[in-house]
């Protein structure tokens, strides 16, 4: 497989955007759980589940896009 440096740079940039997006989703889920009155342990679980779910879906989509290109 002959991959150009521009494609690799774009892939790294997209992975950074995915990581930022997943962190924001996890933080938002944790904030909403805390505003709902959940304990800190429950907030961490909610944030972790939201982060893992969004990371899984985002990386699956990114893998599909890279495969198609």
PDB file of N, CA and C in Angstrom:
ATOM      1  N   UNK A   1       0.845  -1.181   0.000  1.00  0.00           N
ATOM      2  CA  UNK A   1       0.000   0.000   0.000  1.00  0.00           C
ATOM      3  C   UNK A   1       0.885   1.237   0.000  1.00  0.00           C
ATOM      4  N   UNK A   2       0.686   2.104  -0.966  1.00  0.00           N
ATOM      5  CA  UNK A   2       1.469   3.318  -1.105  1.00  0.00           C
ATOM      6  C   UNK A   2       0.629   4.496  -0.619  1.00  0.00           C
ATOM      7  N   UNK A   3       0.929   4.979   0.583  1.00  0.00           N
ATOM      8  CA  UNK A   3       0.149   6.053   1.181  1.00  0.00           C
ATOM      9  C   UNK A   3       0.955   7.341   1.147  1.00  0.00           C
ATOM     10  N   UNK A   4       0.344   8.393   0.656  1.00  0.00           N
ATOM     11  CA  UNK A   4       1.046   9.674   0.585  1.00  0.00           C
ATOM     12  C   UNK A   4       1.072  10.330   1.965  1.00  0.00           C
ATOM     13  N   UNK A   5       2.043  11.206   2.195  1.00  0.00           N
ATOM     14  CA  UNK A   5       2.123  11.893   3.484  1.00  0.00           C
ATOM     15  C   UNK A   5       0.902  12.761   3.783  1.00  0.00           C
ATOM     16  N   UNK A   6       0.265  13.270   2.750  1.00  0.00           N
ATOM     17  CA  UNK A   6      -0.918  14.109   2.970  1.00  0.00           C
ATOM     18  C   UNK A   6      -2.064  13.268   3.524  1.00  0.00           C
ATOM     19  N   UNK A   7      -2.219  12.046   3.012  1.00  0.00           N
ATOM     20  CA  UNK A   7      -3.265  11.173   3.543  1.00  0.00           C
ATOM     21  C   UNK A   7      -2.987  10.809   5.000  1.00  0.00           C
ATOM     22  N   UNK A   8      -1.730  10.557   5.333  1.00  0.00           N
ATOM     23  CA  UNK A   8      -1.382  10.237   6.717  1.00  0.00           C
ATOM     24  C   UNK A   8      -1.621  11.431   7.636  1.00  0.00           C
ATOM     25  N   UNK A   9      -1.277  12.630   7.164  1.00  0.00           N
ATOM     26  CA  UNK A   9      -1.504  13.830   7.962  1.00  0.00           C
ATOM     27  C   UNK A   9      -2.999  14.058   8.179  1.00  0.00           C
ATOM     28  N   UNK A  10      -3.785  13.832   7.145  1.00  0.00           N
ATOM     29  CA  UNK A  10      -5.229  13.972   7.264  1.00  0.00           C
ATOM     30  C   UNK A  10      -5.803  12.950   8.240  1.00  0.00           C
ATOM     31  N   UNK A  11      -5.284  11.735   8.213  1.00  0.00           N
ATOM     32  CA  UNK A  11      -5.739  10.699   9.132  1.00  0.00           C
ATOM     33  C   UNK A  11      -5.421  11.063  10.579  1.00  0.00           C
ATOM     34  N   UNK A  12      -4.222  11.566  10.827  1.00  0.00           N
ATOM     35  CA  UNK A  12      -3.846  11.982  12.180  1.00  0.00           C
ATOM     36  C   UNK A  12      -4.720  13.140  12.643  1.00  0.00           C
ATOM     37  N   UNK A  13      -4.990  14.083  11.766  1.00  0.00           N
ATOM     38  CA  UNK A  13      -5.854  15.213  12.109  1.00  0.00           C
ATOM     39  C   UNK A  13      -7.269  14.742  12.430  1.00  0.00           C
ATOM     40  N   UNK A  14      -7.789  13.821  11.634  1.00  0.00           N
ATOM     41  CA  UNK A  14      -9.127  13.290  11.897  1.00  0.00           C
ATOM     42  C   UNK A  14      -9.183  12.522  13.212  1.00  0.00           C
ATOM     43  N   UNK A  15      -8.121  11.799  13.540  1.00  0.00           N
ATOM     44  CA  UNK A  15      -8.100  11.079  14.814  1.00  0.00           C
ATOM     45  C   UNK A  15      -8.071  12.050  15.993  1.00  0.00           C
ATOM     46  N   UNK A  16      -7.377  13.169  15.842  1.00  0.00           N
ATOM     47  CA  UNK A  16      -7.366  14.186  16.893  1.00  0.00           C
ATOM     48  C   UNK A  16      -8.748  14.806  17.063  1.00  0.00           C
ATOM     49  N   UNK A  17      -9.434  15.053  15.962  1.00  0.00           N
ATOM     50  CA  UNK A  17     -10.793  15.601  16.029  1.00  0.00           C
ATOM     51  C   UNK A  17     -11.737  14.598  16.684  1.00  0.00           C
ATOM     52  N   UNK A  18     -11.583  13.318  16.356  1.00  0.00           N
ATOM     53  CA  UNK A  18     -12.416  12.276  16.966  1.00  0.00           C
ATOM     54  C   UNK A  18     -12.165  12.216  18.471  1.00  0.00           C
ATOM     55  N   UNK A  19     -10.906  12.296  18.893  1.00  0.00           N
ATOM     56  CA  UNK A  19     -10.587  12.260  20.320  1.00  0.00           C
ATOM     57  C   UNK A  19     -11.196  13.459  21.044  1.00  0.00           C
ATOM     58  N   UNK A  20     -11.122  14.628  20.438  1.00  0.00           N
ATOM     59  CA  UNK A  20     -11.717  15.822  21.044  1.00  0.00           C
ATOM     60  C   UNK A  20     -13.232  15.699  21.124  1.00  0.00           C
ATOM     61  N   UNK A  21     -13.850  15.207  20.055  1.00  0.00           N
ATOM     62  CA  UNK A  21     -15.296  15.016  20.036  1.00  0.00           C
ATOM     63  C   UNK A  21     -15.731  14.041  21.130  1.00  0.00           C
ATOM     64  N   UNK A  22     -15.012  12.938  21.275  1.00  0.00           N
ATOM     65  CA  UNK A  22     -15.373  11.933  22.277  1.00  0.00           C
ATOM     66  C   UNK A  22     -15.195  12.476  23.694  1.00  0.00           C
ATOM     67  N   UNK A  23     -14.153  13.262  23.906  1.00  0.00           N
ATOM     68  CA  UNK A  23     -13.956  13.869  25.218  1.00  0.00           C
ATOM     69  C   UNK A  23     -15.090  14.839  25.546  1.00  0.00           C
ATOM     70  N   UNK A  24     -15.530  15.604  24.567  1.00  0.00           N
ATOM     71  CA  UNK A  24     -16.643  16.530  24.794  1.00  0.00           C
ATOM     72  C   UNK A  24     -17.948  15.789  25.062  1.00  0.00           C
ATOM     73  N   UNK A  25     -18.169  14.693  24.357  1.00  0.00           N
ATOM     74  CA  UNK A  25     -19.378  13.895  24.593  1.00  0.00           C
ATOM     75  C   UNK A  25     -19.354  13.319  26.003  1.00  0.00           C
ATOM     76  N   UNK A  26     -18.210  12.795  26.423  1.00  0.00           N
ATOM     77  CA  UNK A  26     -18.090  12.258  27.775  1.00  0.00           C
ATOM     78  C   UNK A  26     -18.288  13.324  28.841  1.00  0.00           C
ATOM     79  N   UNK A  27     -17.708  14.498  28.622  1.00  0.00           N
ATOM     80  CA  UNK A  27     -17.866  15.588  29.586  1.00  0.00           C
ATOM     81  C   UNK A  27     -19.315  16.052  29.663  1.00  0.00           C
ATOM     82  N   UNK A  28     -19.976  16.136  28.525  1.00  0.00           N
ATOM     83  CA  UNK A  28     -21.385  16.550  28.521  1.00  0.00           C
ATOM     84  C   UNK A  28     -22.256  15.522  29.224  1.00  0.00           C
ATOM     85  N   UNK A  29     -21.988  14.247  29.001  1.00  0.00           N
ATOM     86  CA  UNK A  29     -22.766  13.200  29.671  1.00  0.00           C
ATOM     87  C   UNK A  29     -22.538  13.241  31.177  1.00  0.00           C
ATOM     88  N   UNK A  30     -21.297  13.461  31.584  1.00  0.00           N
ATOM     89  CA  UNK A  30     -21.007  13.573  33.012  1.00  0.00           C
ATOM     90  C   UNK A  30     -21.674  14.781  33.641  1.00  0.00           C
ATOM     91  N   UNK A  31     -21.652  15.900  32.942  1.00  0.00           N
ATOM     92  CA  UNK A  31     -22.295  17.110  33.458  1.00  0.00           C
ATOM     93  C   UNK A  31     -23.799  16.919  33.595  1.00  0.00           C
ATOM     94  N   UNK A  32     -24.411  16.334  32.585  1.00  0.00           N
ATOM     95  CA  UNK A  32     -25.856  16.108  32.652  1.00  0.00           C
ATOM     96  C   UNK A  32     -26.223  15.132  33.766  1.00  0.00           C
ATOM     97  N   UNK A  33     -25.397  14.110  33.963  1.00  0.00           N
ATOM     98  CA  UNK A  33     -25.660  13.164  35.047  1.00  0.00           C
ATOM     99  C   UNK A  33     -25.508  13.846  36.402  1.00  0.00           C
ATOM    100  N   UNK A  34     -24.502  14.707  36.535  1.00  0.00           N
ATOM    101  CA  UNK A  34     -24.292  15.403  37.813  1.00  0.00           C
ATOM    102  C   UNK A  34     -25.428  16.390  38.081  1.00  0.00           C
ATOM    103  N   UNK A  35     -25.890  17.077  37.049  1.00  0.00           N
ATOM    104  CA  UNK A  35     -27.013  18.000  37.223  1.00  0.00           C
ATOM    105  C   UNK A  35     -28.293  17.265  37.593  1.00  0.00           C
ATOM    106  N   UNK A  36     -28.357  15.992  37.220  1.00  0.00           N
ATOM    107  CA  UNK A  36     -29.515  15.168  37.554  1.00  0.00           C
ATOM    108  C   UNK A  36     -29.447  14.671  38.996  1.00  0.00           C
ATOM    109  N   UNK A  37     -28.324  14.894  39.669  1.00  0.00           N
ATOM    110  CA  UNK A  37     -28.199  14.514  41.068  1.00  0.00           C
ATOM    111  C   UNK A  37     -27.458  13.211  41.296  1.00  0.00           C
ATOM    112  N   UNK A  38     -26.745  12.727  40.310  1.00  0.00           N
ATOM    113  CA  UNK A  38     -26.011  11.469  40.453  1.00  0.00           C
ATOM    114  C   UNK A  38     -24.756  11.686  41.298  1.00  0.00           C
ATOM    115  N   UNK A  39     -24.287  10.607  41.918  1.00  0.00           N
ATOM    116  CA  UNK A  39     -23.049  10.685  42.691  1.00  0.00           C
ATOM    117  C   UNK A  39     -21.863  10.769  41.734  1.00  0.00           C
ATOM    118  N   UNK A  40     -20.696  11.097  42.289  1.00  0.00           N
ATOM    119  CA  UNK A  40     -19.519  11.243  41.439  1.00  0.00           C
ATOM    120  C   UNK A  40     -19.127   9.924  40.779  1.00  0.00           C
ATOM    121  N   UNK A  41     -19.299   8.818  41.481  1.00  0.00           N
ATOM    122  CA  UNK A  41     -18.979   7.515  40.892  1.00  0.00           C
ATOM    123  C   UNK A  41     -19.896   7.219  39.706  1.00  0.00           C
ATOM    124  N   UNK A  42     -21.173   7.509  39.861  1.00  0.00           N
ATOM    125  CA  UNK A  42     -22.119   7.288  38.770  1.00  0.00           C
ATOM    126  C   UNK A  42     -21.832   8.228  37.598  1.00  0.00           C
ATOM    127  N   UNK A  43     -21.433   9.447  37.912  1.00  0.00           N
ATOM    128  CA  UNK A  43     -21.085  10.412  36.864  1.00  0.00           C
ATOM    129  C   UNK A  43     -19.904   9.895  36.043  1.00  0.00           C
ATOM    130  N   UNK A  44     -18.896   9.345  36.720  1.00  0.00           N
ATOM    131  CA  UNK A  44     -17.738   8.806  36.005  1.00  0.00           C
ATOM    132  C   UNK A  44     -18.122   7.638  35.112  1.00  0.00           C
ATOM    133  N   UNK A  45     -19.024   6.794  35.596  1.00  0.00           N
ATOM    134  CA  UNK A  45     -19.475   5.658  34.785  1.00  0.00           C
ATOM    135  C   UNK A  45     -20.234   6.154  33.559  1.00  0.00           C
ATOM    136  N   UNK A  46     -21.123   7.113  33.742  1.00  0.00           N
ATOM    137  CA  UNK A  46     -21.890   7.652  32.613  1.00  0.00           C
ATOM    138  C   UNK A  46     -20.964   8.309  31.588  1.00  0.00           C
ATOM    139  N   UNK A  47     -19.995   9.075  32.081  1.00  0.00           N
ATOM    140  CA  UNK A  47     -19.061   9.737  31.170  1.00  0.00           C
ATOM    141  C   UNK A  47     -18.206   8.715  30.422  1.00  0.00           C
ATOM    142  N   UNK A  48     -17.769   7.675  31.120  1.00  0.00           N
ATOM    143  CA  UNK A  48     -16.938   6.651  30.476  1.00  0.00           C
ATOM    144  C   UNK A  48     -17.718   5.879  29.419  1.00  0.00           C
ATOM    145  N   UNK A  49     -18.961   5.558  29.719  1.00  0.00           N
ATOM    146  CA  UNK A  49     -19.785   4.830  28.745  1.00  0.00           C
ATOM    147  C   UNK A  49     -20.050   5.703  27.523  1.00  0.00           C
ATOM    148  N   UNK A  50     -20.337   6.974  27.739  1.00  0.00           N
ATOM    149  CA  UNK A  50     -20.574   7.878  26.608  1.00  0.00           C
ATOM    150  C   UNK A  50     -19.305   8.057  25.780  1.00  0.00           C
ATOM    151  N   UNK A  51     -18.160   8.185  26.443  1.00  0.00           N
ATOM    152  CA  UNK A  51     -16.890   8.318  25.732  1.00  0.00           C
ATOM    153  C   UNK A  51     -16.594   7.070  24.912  1.00  0.00           C
ATOM    154  N   UNK A  52     -16.755   5.908  25.523  1.00  0.00           N
ATOM    155  CA  UNK A  52     -16.459   4.654  24.819  1.00  0.00           C
ATOM    156  C   UNK A  52     -17.407   4.434  23.644  1.00  0.00           C
ATOM    157  N   UNK A  53     -18.676   4.740  23.841  1.00  0.00           N
ATOM    158  CA  UNK A  53     -19.638   4.572  22.754  1.00  0.00           C
ATOM    159  C   UNK A  53     -19.370   5.499  21.592  1.00  0.00           C
ATOM    160  N   UNK A  54     -19.100   6.750  21.892  1.00  0.00           N
ATOM    161  CA  UNK A  54     -18.826   7.692  20.804  1.00  0.00           C
ATOM    162  C   UNK A  54     -17.486   7.386  20.134  1.00  0.00           C
ATOM    163  N   UNK A  55     -16.507   6.913  20.894  1.00  0.00           N
ATOM    164  CA  UNK A  55     -15.223   6.542  20.292  1.00  0.00           C
ATOM    165  C   UNK A  55     -15.383   5.346  19.365  1.00  0.00           C
ATOM    166  N   UNK A  56     -16.167   4.367  19.793  1.00  0.00           N
ATOM    167  CA  UNK A  56     -16.385   3.183  18.961  1.00  0.00           C
ATOM    168  C   UNK A  56     -17.064   3.550  17.651  1.00  0.00           C
ATOM    169  N   UNK A  57     -18.132   4.319  17.738  1.00  0.00           N
ATOM    170  CA  UNK A  57     -18.847   4.702  16.524  1.00  0.00           C
ATOM    171  C   UNK A  57     -18.013   5.614  15.625  1.00  0.00           C
ATOM    172  N   UNK A  58     -17.304   6.553  16.216  1.00  0.00           N
ATOM    173  CA  UNK A  58     -16.495   7.477  15.421  1.00  0.00           C
ATOM    174  C   UNK A  58     -15.341   6.757  14.725  1.00  0.00           C
ATOM    175  N   UNK A  59     -14.672   5.863  15.435  1.00  0.00           N
ATOM    176  CA  UNK A  59     -13.561   5.146  14.816  1.00  0.00           C
ATOM    177  C   UNK A  59     -14.039   4.146  13.777  1.00  0.00           C
ATOM    178  N   UNK A  60     -15.224   3.575  13.978  1.00  0.00           N
ATOM    179  CA  UNK A  60     -15.782   2.696  12.952  1.00  0.00           C
ATOM    180  C   UNK A  60     -16.092   3.491  11.687  1.00  0.00           C
ATOM    181  N   UNK A  61     -16.651   4.677  11.851  1.00  0.00           N
ATOM    182  CA  UNK A  61     -16.933   5.533  10.697  1.00  0.00           C
ATOM    183  C   UNK A  61     -15.644   5.987  10.019  1.00  0.00           C
ATOM    184  N   UNK A  62     -14.642   6.337  10.818  1.00  0.00           N
ATOM    185  CA  UNK A  62     -13.360   6.752  10.262  1.00  0.00           C
ATOM    186  C   UNK A  62     -12.693   5.603   9.503  1.00  0.00           C
ATOM    187  N   UNK A  63     -12.786   4.397  10.025  1.00  0.00           N
ATOM    188  CA  UNK A  63     -12.237   3.227   9.334  1.00  0.00           C
ATOM    189  C   UNK A  63     -12.938   3.003   8.004  1.00  0.00           C
ATOM    190  N   UNK A  64     -14.243   3.164   8.000  1.00  0.00           N
ATOM    191  CA  UNK A  64     -14.997   3.016   6.758  1.00  0.00           C
ATOM    192  C   UNK A  64     -14.569   4.057   5.731  1.00  0.00           C
ATOM    193  N   UNK A  65     -14.419   5.299   6.172  1.00  0.00           N
ATOM    194  CA  UNK A  65     -14.036   6.373   5.258  1.00  0.00           C
ATOM    195  C   UNK A  65     -12.637   6.132   4.698  1.00  0.00           C
ATOM    196  N   UNK A  66     -11.706   5.718   5.558  1.00  0.00           N
ATOM    197  CA  UNK A  66     -10.339   5.465   5.097  1.00  0.00           C
ATOM    198  C   UNK A  66     -10.306   4.296   4.130  1.00  0.00           C
ATOM    199  N   UNK A  67     -11.124   3.286   4.369  1.00  0.00           N
ATOM    200  CA  UNK A  67     -11.164   2.128   3.481  1.00  0.00           C
ATOM    201  C   UNK A  67     -11.711   2.514   2.109  1.00  0.00           C
ATOM    202  N   UNK A  68     -12.715   3.352   2.089  1.00  0.00           N
ATOM    203  CA  UNK A  68     -13.313   3.770   0.821  1.00  0.00           C
ATOM    204  C   UNK A  68     -12.347   4.647   0.029  1.00  0.00           C
ATOM    205  N   UNK A  69     -11.624   5.512   0.723  1.00  0.00           N
ATOM    206  CA  UNK A  69     -10.672   6.380   0.019  1.00  0.00           C
ATOM    207  C   UNK A  69      -9.490   5.562  -0.424  1.00  0.00           C
TER     208      UNK A  69
END
